[in-house]
Amino acid sequence: MAAGFTLRKIRASETLGGKLRRARKRKGVDLVEVELATKIRAKYLEALEEEEFNFLPNDVYVRGFLTTYAEYLGLDPGKITQLYNQQKTTSTIKDDATFSTAKPLKERSFVITPKLVVITFGVIFCLCAVVYITLQVLSFASVPQLNVDNPTKDTVVEEESIKVAGMTDPGVSLTVNKEIVTVDSSGRFERQVTLQKGLNTIIITATNKAGKETSKVVVIERKTKTAEK
């Protein structure tokens, strides 16, 4: 060693947690004993010694904890509180810097792929199939609609025939007085019926593919034409 030089041990500055922990151990007590003596929850005492500031309540309460804890350990409350403020400020700056340098998440743009197109068309096809089957089941389960526009009930005429017309469901079998009548694609039907003198009963029947039917009965009276004076 060169003459005139003396080795000196440089003591690193102690942190808040280190000071509190060392003083507590020097006093020979554990956190449970400190809690009983100071009325400060052991979990807050541990957070102070571990410098886990995020687990602590509001700073107003923390400073009260520090004052009470420091006095119990025989430390200077002012210096302990000042050390807490310094470390808390440094910790906040580091957290903000870490947050600001973090890369923002990129928004994923919606991309149409062949697989997505196939899935979409598959879903649409399935929905259409379900709707079609449902409509078919309903049509089989219900009786056909039948509306007779002409003639109306209890009509009195002098003509030898009358037109029977109305609407029903497309695809049904329709008869007028047991004679088959054609139904167009919209469900419209017409049939000229010959009348006998007196009362005439006209029976219109619509039968669907499930064998369910709807019937309407119209009574027409045919009178003899009066001679012209």
C-alpha atoms as a PDB file:
ATOM      1  CA  MET A   1       0.000   0.000   0.000  1.00  0.00           C
ATOM      2  CA  ALA A   2       1.371   3.433  -0.921  1.00  0.00           C
ATOM      3  CA  ALA A   3       2.386   5.684   1.923  1.00  0.00           C
ATOM      4  CA  GLY A   4      -0.157   8.309   2.932  1.00  0.00           C
ATOM      5  CA  PHE A   5      -3.230   6.341   1.738  1.00  0.00           C
ATOM      6  CA  THR A   6      -5.734   4.810   4.171  1.00  0.00           C
ATOM      7  CA  LEU A   7      -8.534   2.417   3.184  1.00  0.00           C
ATOM      8  CA  ARG A   8     -11.966   3.650   4.284  1.00  0.00           C
ATOM      9  CA  LYS A   9     -15.107   1.593   4.046  1.00  0.00           C
ATOM     10  CA  ILE A  10     -17.772   3.569   2.200  1.00  0.00           C
ATOM     11  CA  ARG A  11     -21.168   2.858   3.709  1.00  0.00           C
ATOM     12  CA  ALA A  12     -23.984   2.841   1.237  1.00  0.00           C
ATOM     13  CA  SER A  13     -27.026   4.896   2.156  1.00  0.00           C
ATOM     14  CA  GLU A  14     -29.638   2.665   3.800  1.00  0.00           C
ATOM     15  CA  THR A  15     -33.163   2.522   2.442  1.00  0.00           C
ATOM     16  CA  LEU A  16     -36.330   3.072   4.426  1.00  0.00           C
ATOM     17  CA  GLY A  17     -37.134  -0.616   4.652  1.00  0.00           C
ATOM     18  CA  GLY A  18     -33.588  -1.471   5.704  1.00  0.00           C
ATOM     19  CA  LYS A  19     -33.585   1.114   8.504  1.00  0.00           C
ATOM     20  CA  LEU A  20     -36.925  -0.041   9.886  1.00  0.00           C
ATOM     21  CA  ARG A  21     -36.066  -3.730   9.689  1.00  0.00           C
ATOM     22  CA  ARG A  22     -32.619  -3.300  11.266  1.00  0.00           C
ATOM     23  CA  ALA A  23     -34.044  -1.192  14.117  1.00  0.00           C
ATOM     24  CA  ARG A  24     -36.815  -3.739  14.766  1.00  0.00           C
ATOM     25  CA  LYS A  25     -34.383  -6.636  14.880  1.00  0.00           C
ATOM     26  CA  ARG A  26     -32.097  -4.646  17.166  1.00  0.00           C
ATOM     27  CA  LYS A  27     -35.083  -4.204  19.470  1.00  0.00           C
ATOM     28  CA  GLY A  28     -35.700  -7.955  19.276  1.00  0.00           C
ATOM     29  CA  VAL A  29     -39.396  -7.909  18.305  1.00  0.00           C
ATOM     30  CA  ASP A  30     -41.383  -9.355  15.417  1.00  0.00           C
ATOM     31  CA  LEU A  31     -44.148  -7.718  13.375  1.00  0.00           C
ATOM     32  CA  VAL A  32     -46.924  -9.253  15.489  1.00  0.00           C
ATOM     33  CA  GLU A  33     -45.473  -7.720  18.643  1.00  0.00           C
ATOM     34  CA  VAL A  34     -45.117  -4.365  16.893  1.00  0.00           C
ATOM     35  CA  GLU A  35     -48.753  -4.543  15.784  1.00  0.00           C
ATOM     36  CA  LEU A  36     -49.887  -5.136  19.362  1.00  0.00           C
ATOM     37  CA  ALA A  37     -47.783  -2.254  20.636  1.00  0.00           C
ATOM     38  CA  THR A  38     -48.493   0.334  17.909  1.00  0.00           C
ATOM     39  CA  LYS A  39     -51.984  -0.765  16.730  1.00  0.00           C
ATOM     40  CA  ILE A  40     -50.648  -0.712  13.155  1.00  0.00           C
ATOM     41  CA  ARG A  41     -51.664  -3.715  11.053  1.00  0.00           C
ATOM     42  CA  ALA A  42     -48.762  -6.143  10.551  1.00  0.00           C
ATOM     43  CA  LYS A  43     -49.406  -6.217   6.783  1.00  0.00           C
ATOM     44  CA  TYR A  44     -48.747  -2.449   6.604  1.00  0.00           C
ATOM     45  CA  LEU A  45     -45.616  -2.774   8.709  1.00  0.00           C
ATOM     46  CA  GLU A  46     -44.359  -5.509   6.386  1.00  0.00           C
ATOM     47  CA  ALA A  47     -45.182  -3.383   3.318  1.00  0.00           C
ATOM     48  CA  LEU A  48     -43.111  -0.524   4.763  1.00  0.00           C
ATOM     49  CA  GLU A  49     -40.147  -2.783   5.453  1.00  0.00           C
ATOM     50  CA  GLU A  50     -40.410  -4.392   2.000  1.00  0.00           C
ATOM     51  CA  GLU A  51     -40.979  -0.950   0.433  1.00  0.00           C
ATOM     52  CA  GLU A  52     -44.096  -2.208  -1.340  1.00  0.00           C
ATOM     53  CA  PHE A  53     -45.752   1.195  -1.381  1.00  0.00           C
ATOM     54  CA  ASN A  54     -48.605   0.114  -3.662  1.00  0.00           C
ATOM     55  CA  PHE A  55     -50.041  -2.025  -0.841  1.00  0.00           C
ATOM     56  CA  LEU A  56     -50.241   0.929   1.547  1.00  0.00           C
ATOM     57  CA  PRO A  57     -53.276   3.176   2.128  1.00  0.00           C
ATOM     58  CA  ASN A  58     -53.400   6.934   1.555  1.00  0.00           C
ATOM     59  CA  ASP A  59     -50.200   8.910   2.315  1.00  0.00           C
ATOM     60  CA  VAL A  60     -51.913  10.675   5.254  1.00  0.00           C
ATOM     61  CA  TYR A  61     -52.243   7.333   7.046  1.00  0.00           C
ATOM     62  CA  VAL A  62     -48.798   6.123   5.955  1.00  0.00           C
ATOM     63  CA  ARG A  63     -47.080   9.149   7.463  1.00  0.00           C
ATOM     64  CA  GLY A  64     -48.946   8.516  10.702  1.00  0.00           C
ATOM     65  CA  PHE A  65     -47.782   4.883  10.628  1.00  0.00           C
ATOM     66  CA  LEU A  66     -44.189   5.983  10.049  1.00  0.00           C
ATOM     67  CA  THR A  67     -44.247   8.454  12.932  1.00  0.00           C
ATOM     68  CA  THR A  68     -45.644   5.901  15.376  1.00  0.00           C
ATOM     69  CA  TYR A  69     -43.351   3.100  14.125  1.00  0.00           C
ATOM     70  CA  ALA A  70     -40.241   5.317  14.219  1.00  0.00           C
ATOM     71  CA  GLU A  71     -40.965   6.469  17.776  1.00  0.00           C
ATOM     72  CA  TYR A  72     -41.497   2.854  18.848  1.00  0.00           C
ATOM     73  CA  LEU A  73     -38.142   1.834  17.318  1.00  0.00           C
ATOM     74  CA  GLY A  74     -36.314   4.870  18.705  1.00  0.00           C
ATOM     75  CA  LEU A  75     -35.731   6.470  15.279  1.00  0.00           C
ATOM     76  CA  ASP A  76     -36.187  10.076  14.216  1.00  0.00           C
ATOM     77  CA  PRO A  77     -39.778  10.329  12.802  1.00  0.00           C
ATOM     78  CA  GLY A  78     -38.873  13.369  10.695  1.00  0.00           C
ATOM     79  CA  LYS A  79     -35.964  11.641   8.935  1.00  0.00           C
ATOM     80  CA  ILE A  80     -37.969   8.437   8.426  1.00  0.00           C
ATOM     81  CA  THR A  81     -40.873  10.373   6.880  1.00  0.00           C
ATOM     82  CA  GLN A  82     -38.473  12.343   4.667  1.00  0.00           C
ATOM     83  CA  LEU A  83     -36.833   9.106   3.479  1.00  0.00           C
ATOM     84  CA  TYR A  84     -40.280   7.679   2.662  1.00  0.00           C
ATOM     85  CA  ASN A  85     -41.173  10.778   0.625  1.00  0.00           C
ATOM     86  CA  GLN A  86     -37.933  10.525  -1.356  1.00  0.00           C
ATOM     87  CA  GLN A  87     -38.300   6.848  -2.140  1.00  0.00           C
ATOM     88  CA  LYS A  88     -42.014   7.175  -2.935  1.00  0.00           C
ATOM     89  CA  THR A  89     -41.261  10.001  -5.411  1.00  0.00           C
ATOM     90  CA  THR A  90     -38.462   7.992  -7.050  1.00  0.00           C
ATOM     91  CA  SER A  91     -40.707   4.922  -7.331  1.00  0.00           C
ATOM     92  CA  THR A  92     -43.496   6.980  -8.935  1.00  0.00           C
ATOM     93  CA  ILE A  93     -41.113   8.466 -11.518  1.00  0.00           C
ATOM     94  CA  LYS A  94     -39.826   5.005 -12.466  1.00  0.00           C
ATOM     95  CA  ASP A  95     -43.355   3.666 -12.836  1.00  0.00           C
ATOM     96  CA  ASP A  96     -44.359   6.603 -15.055  1.00  0.00           C
ATOM     97  CA  ALA A  97     -41.231   6.177 -17.200  1.00  0.00           C
ATOM     98  CA  THR A  98     -41.905   2.469 -17.624  1.00  0.00           C
ATOM     99  CA  PHE A  99     -45.491   3.167 -18.627  1.00  0.00           C
ATOM    100  CA  SER A 100     -44.527   5.901 -21.125  1.00  0.00           C
ATOM    101  CA  THR A 101     -41.885   3.747 -22.864  1.00  0.00           C
ATOM    102  CA  ALA A 102     -44.159   0.753 -23.186  1.00  0.00           C
ATOM    103  CA  LYS A 103     -45.116   0.095 -26.774  1.00  0.00           C
ATOM    104  CA  PRO A 104     -48.792   0.793 -27.446  1.00  0.00           C
ATOM    105  CA  LEU A 105     -50.846  -2.132 -28.529  1.00  0.00           C
ATOM    106  CA  LYS A 106     -51.506  -2.108 -32.234  1.00  0.00           C
ATOM    107  CA  GLU A 107     -55.106  -2.287 -33.249  1.00  0.00           C
ATOM    108  CA  ARG A 108     -55.738  -5.379 -35.273  1.00  0.00           C
ATOM    109  CA  SER A 109     -57.432  -4.530 -38.523  1.00  0.00           C
ATOM    110  CA  PHE A 110     -60.273  -6.693 -39.779  1.00  0.00           C
ATOM    111  CA  VAL A 111     -59.023  -8.915 -42.611  1.00  0.00           C
ATOM    112  CA  ILE A 112     -61.324 -10.856 -44.925  1.00  0.00           C
ATOM    113  CA  THR A 113     -59.799 -14.258 -45.606  1.00  0.00           C
ATOM    114  CA  PRO A 114     -61.052 -17.131 -47.792  1.00  0.00           C
ATOM    115  CA  LYS A 115     -61.701 -19.141 -44.646  1.00  0.00           C
ATOM    116  CA  LEU A 116     -63.855 -16.355 -43.233  1.00  0.00           C
ATOM    117  CA  VAL A 117     -65.838 -16.143 -46.497  1.00  0.00           C
ATOM    118  CA  VAL A 118     -66.492 -19.891 -46.482  1.00  0.00           C
ATOM    119  CA  ILE A 119     -67.605 -19.810 -42.842  1.00  0.00           C
ATOM    120  CA  THR A 120     -69.903 -16.830 -43.507  1.00  0.00           C
ATOM    121  CA  PHE A 121     -71.594 -18.497 -46.476  1.00  0.00           C
ATOM    122  CA  GLY A 122     -71.907 -21.719 -44.479  1.00  0.00           C
ATOM    123  CA  VAL A 123     -73.682 -19.900 -41.659  1.00  0.00           C
ATOM    124  CA  ILE A 124     -76.016 -18.118 -44.114  1.00  0.00           C
ATOM    125  CA  PHE A 125     -76.833 -21.424 -45.837  1.00  0.00           C
ATOM    126  CA  CYS A 126     -77.627 -23.105 -42.520  1.00  0.00           C
ATOM    127  CA  LEU A 127     -79.886 -20.230 -41.471  1.00  0.00           C
ATOM    128  CA  CYS A 128     -81.754 -20.356 -44.783  1.00  0.00           C
ATOM    129  CA  ALA A 129     -82.190 -24.115 -44.446  1.00  0.00           C
ATOM    130  CA  VAL A 130     -83.567 -23.745 -40.930  1.00  0.00           C
ATOM    131  CA  VAL A 131     -86.029 -21.058 -42.071  1.00  0.00           C
ATOM    132  CA  TYR A 132     -87.166 -23.167 -45.038  1.00  0.00           C
ATOM    133  CA  ILE A 133     -87.690 -26.288 -42.931  1.00  0.00           C
ATOM    134  CA  THR A 134     -89.554 -24.275 -40.300  1.00  0.00           C
ATOM    135  CA  LEU A 135     -91.896 -22.818 -42.905  1.00  0.00           C
ATOM    136  CA  GLN A 136     -92.515 -26.262 -44.366  1.00  0.00           C
ATOM    137  CA  VAL A 137     -93.311 -27.719 -40.955  1.00  0.00           C
ATOM    138  CA  LEU A 138     -95.678 -24.859 -40.182  1.00  0.00           C
ATOM    139  CA  SER A 139     -97.434 -25.253 -43.513  1.00  0.00           C
ATOM    140  CA  PHE A 140     -97.970 -28.956 -42.830  1.00  0.00           C
ATOM    141  CA  ALA A 141     -99.050 -28.397 -39.258  1.00  0.00           C
ATOM    142  CA  SER A 142    -101.670 -25.739 -39.975  1.00  0.00           C
ATOM    143  CA  VAL A 143    -104.888 -25.892 -41.952  1.00  0.00           C
ATOM    144  CA  PRO A 144    -104.905 -24.047 -45.289  1.00  0.00           C
ATOM    145  CA  GLN A 145    -106.301 -20.546 -45.563  1.00  0.00           C
ATOM    146  CA  LEU A 146    -109.490 -20.123 -47.596  1.00  0.00           C
ATOM    147  CA  ASN A 147    -111.237 -16.875 -48.452  1.00  0.00           C
ATOM    148  CA  VAL A 148    -114.242 -16.745 -50.781  1.00  0.00           C
ATOM    149  CA  ASP A 149    -114.662 -13.366 -52.447  1.00  0.00           C
ATOM    150  CA  ASN A 150    -117.648 -14.272 -54.596  1.00  0.00           C
ATOM    151  CA  PRO A 151    -120.441 -15.122 -54.066  1.00  0.00           C
ATOM    152  CA  THR A 152    -121.337 -13.897 -50.611  1.00  0.00           C
ATOM    153  CA  LYS A 153    -123.632 -15.810 -48.316  1.00  0.00           C
ATOM    154  CA  ASP A 154    -127.378 -15.752 -48.871  1.00  0.00           C
ATOM    155  CA  THR A 155    -127.051 -14.260 -52.366  1.00  0.00           C
ATOM    156  CA  VAL A 156    -130.163 -14.205 -54.548  1.00  0.00           C
ATOM    157  CA  VAL A 157    -129.662 -14.266 -58.320  1.00  0.00           C
ATOM    158  CA  GLU A 158    -131.647 -14.841 -61.475  1.00  0.00           C
ATOM    159  CA  GLU A 159    -128.755 -16.010 -63.649  1.00  0.00           C
ATOM    160  CA  GLU A 160    -128.263 -19.665 -64.549  1.00  0.00           C
ATOM    161  CA  SER A 161    -124.646 -19.675 -63.277  1.00  0.00           C
ATOM    162  CA  ILE A 162    -122.402 -17.787 -60.904  1.00  0.00           C
ATOM    163  CA  LYS A 163    -118.663 -17.301 -60.616  1.00  0.00           C
ATOM    164  CA  VAL A 164    -117.042 -18.726 -57.483  1.00  0.00           C
ATOM    165  CA  ALA A 165    -113.731 -16.983 -56.755  1.00  0.00           C
ATOM    166  CA  GLY A 166    -111.349 -16.497 -53.860  1.00  0.00           C
ATOM    167  CA  MET A 167    -107.873 -17.029 -52.391  1.00  0.00           C
ATOM    168  CA  THR A 168    -106.166 -19.978 -50.723  1.00  0.00           C
ATOM    169  CA  ASP A 169    -102.610 -21.189 -50.076  1.00  0.00           C
ATOM    170  CA  PRO A 170    -100.534 -21.993 -53.186  1.00  0.00           C
ATOM    171  CA  GLY A 171    -100.057 -25.714 -53.765  1.00  0.00           C
ATOM    172  CA  VAL A 172    -103.282 -26.917 -52.120  1.00  0.00           C
ATOM    173  CA  SER A 173    -105.926 -29.100 -53.780  1.00  0.00           C
ATOM    174  CA  LEU A 174    -109.170 -27.197 -54.203  1.00  0.00           C
ATOM    175  CA  THR A 175    -112.622 -28.510 -55.042  1.00  0.00           C
ATOM    176  CA  VAL A 176    -115.924 -26.773 -55.631  1.00  0.00           C
ATOM    177  CA  ASN A 177    -118.817 -29.176 -55.079  1.00  0.00           C
ATOM    178  CA  LYS A 178    -116.238 -32.019 -55.296  1.00  0.00           C
ATOM    179  CA  GLU A 179    -114.994 -30.849 -58.698  1.00  0.00           C
ATOM    180  CA  ILE A 180    -111.271 -30.062 -58.867  1.00  0.00           C
ATOM    181  CA  VAL A 181    -110.439 -26.401 -59.489  1.00  0.00           C
ATOM    182  CA  THR A 182    -107.049 -25.095 -60.563  1.00  0.00           C
ATOM    183  CA  VAL A 183    -105.190 -22.818 -58.098  1.00  0.00           C
ATOM    184  CA  ASP A 184    -102.580 -20.471 -59.588  1.00  0.00           C
ATOM    185  CA  SER A 185     -99.141 -19.742 -58.115  1.00  0.00           C
ATOM    186  CA  SER A 186    -100.513 -16.898 -55.995  1.00  0.00           C
ATOM    187  CA  GLY A 187    -103.342 -19.029 -54.541  1.00  0.00           C
ATOM    188  CA  ARG A 188    -106.117 -17.448 -56.683  1.00  0.00           C
ATOM    189  CA  PHE A 189    -108.946 -19.623 -57.960  1.00  0.00           C
ATOM    190  CA  GLU A 190    -112.109 -19.116 -60.067  1.00  0.00           C
ATOM    191  CA  ARG A 191    -114.867 -21.469 -61.181  1.00  0.00           C
ATOM    192  CA  GLN A 192    -118.191 -20.939 -62.957  1.00  0.00           C
ATOM    193  CA  VAL A 193    -120.947 -22.969 -61.265  1.00  0.00           C
ATOM    194  CA  THR A 194    -124.313 -23.792 -62.823  1.00  0.00           C
ATOM    195  CA  LEU A 195    -127.318 -23.084 -60.606  1.00  0.00           C
ATOM    196  CA  GLN A 196    -130.604 -24.937 -60.298  1.00  0.00           C
ATOM    197  CA  LYS A 197    -133.854 -23.166 -59.570  1.00  0.00           C
ATOM    198  CA  GLY A 198    -134.352 -22.583 -55.860  1.00  0.00           C
ATOM    199  CA  LEU A 199    -131.657 -22.996 -53.225  1.00  0.00           C
ATOM    200  CA  ASN A 200    -128.139 -24.063 -54.274  1.00  0.00           C
ATOM    201  CA  THR A 201    -125.430 -25.135 -51.831  1.00  0.00           C
ATOM    202  CA  ILE A 202    -121.852 -24.527 -52.934  1.00  0.00           C
ATOM    203  CA  ILE A 203    -119.085 -26.248 -50.918  1.00  0.00           C
ATOM    204  CA  ILE A 204    -115.507 -25.047 -51.438  1.00  0.00           C
ATOM    205  CA  THR A 205    -112.790 -27.230 -49.876  1.00  0.00           C
ATOM    206  CA  ALA A 206    -109.014 -26.625 -49.731  1.00  0.00           C
ATOM    207  CA  THR A 207    -106.746 -29.562 -48.740  1.00  0.00           C
ATOM    208  CA  ASN A 208    -102.994 -29.251 -48.142  1.00  0.00           C
ATOM    209  CA  LYS A 209    -100.304 -31.914 -48.583  1.00  0.00           C
ATOM    210  CA  ALA A 210    -100.634 -32.971 -44.943  1.00  0.00           C
ATOM    211  CA  GLY A 211    -104.303 -33.859 -45.544  1.00  0.00           C
ATOM    212  CA  LYS A 212    -105.654 -30.972 -43.488  1.00  0.00           C
ATOM    213  CA  GLU A 213    -108.535 -29.131 -45.029  1.00  0.00           C
ATOM    214  CA  THR A 214    -110.645 -26.018 -44.749  1.00  0.00           C
ATOM    215  CA  SER A 215    -114.180 -25.745 -46.126  1.00  0.00           C
ATOM    216  CA  LYS A 216    -116.568 -22.896 -46.798  1.00  0.00           C
ATOM    217  CA  VAL A 217    -120.290 -23.303 -47.572  1.00  0.00           C
ATOM    218  CA  VAL A 218    -122.208 -20.697 -49.543  1.00  0.00           C
ATOM    219  CA  VAL A 219    -125.990 -20.919 -50.117  1.00  0.00           C
ATOM    220  CA  ILE A 220    -127.301 -19.245 -53.273  1.00  0.00           C
ATOM    221  CA  GLU A 221    -130.949 -18.830 -54.231  1.00  0.00           C
ATOM    222  CA  ARG A 222    -131.850 -18.719 -57.903  1.00  0.00           C
ATOM    223  CA  LYS A 223    -135.177 -17.108 -58.712  1.00  0.00           C
ATOM    224  CA  THR A 224    -137.034 -17.286 -61.987  1.00  0.00           C
ATOM    225  CA  LYS A 225    -136.678 -14.142 -64.055  1.00  0.00           C
ATOM    226  CA  THR A 226    -139.790 -11.985 -63.917  1.00  0.00           C
ATOM    227  CA  ALA A 227    -141.468 -11.212 -67.242  1.00  0.00           C
ATOM    228  CA  GLU A 228    -140.934  -7.708 -68.517  1.00  0.00           C
ATOM    229  CA  LYS A 229    -144.075  -5.596 -68.571  1.00  0.00           C
END
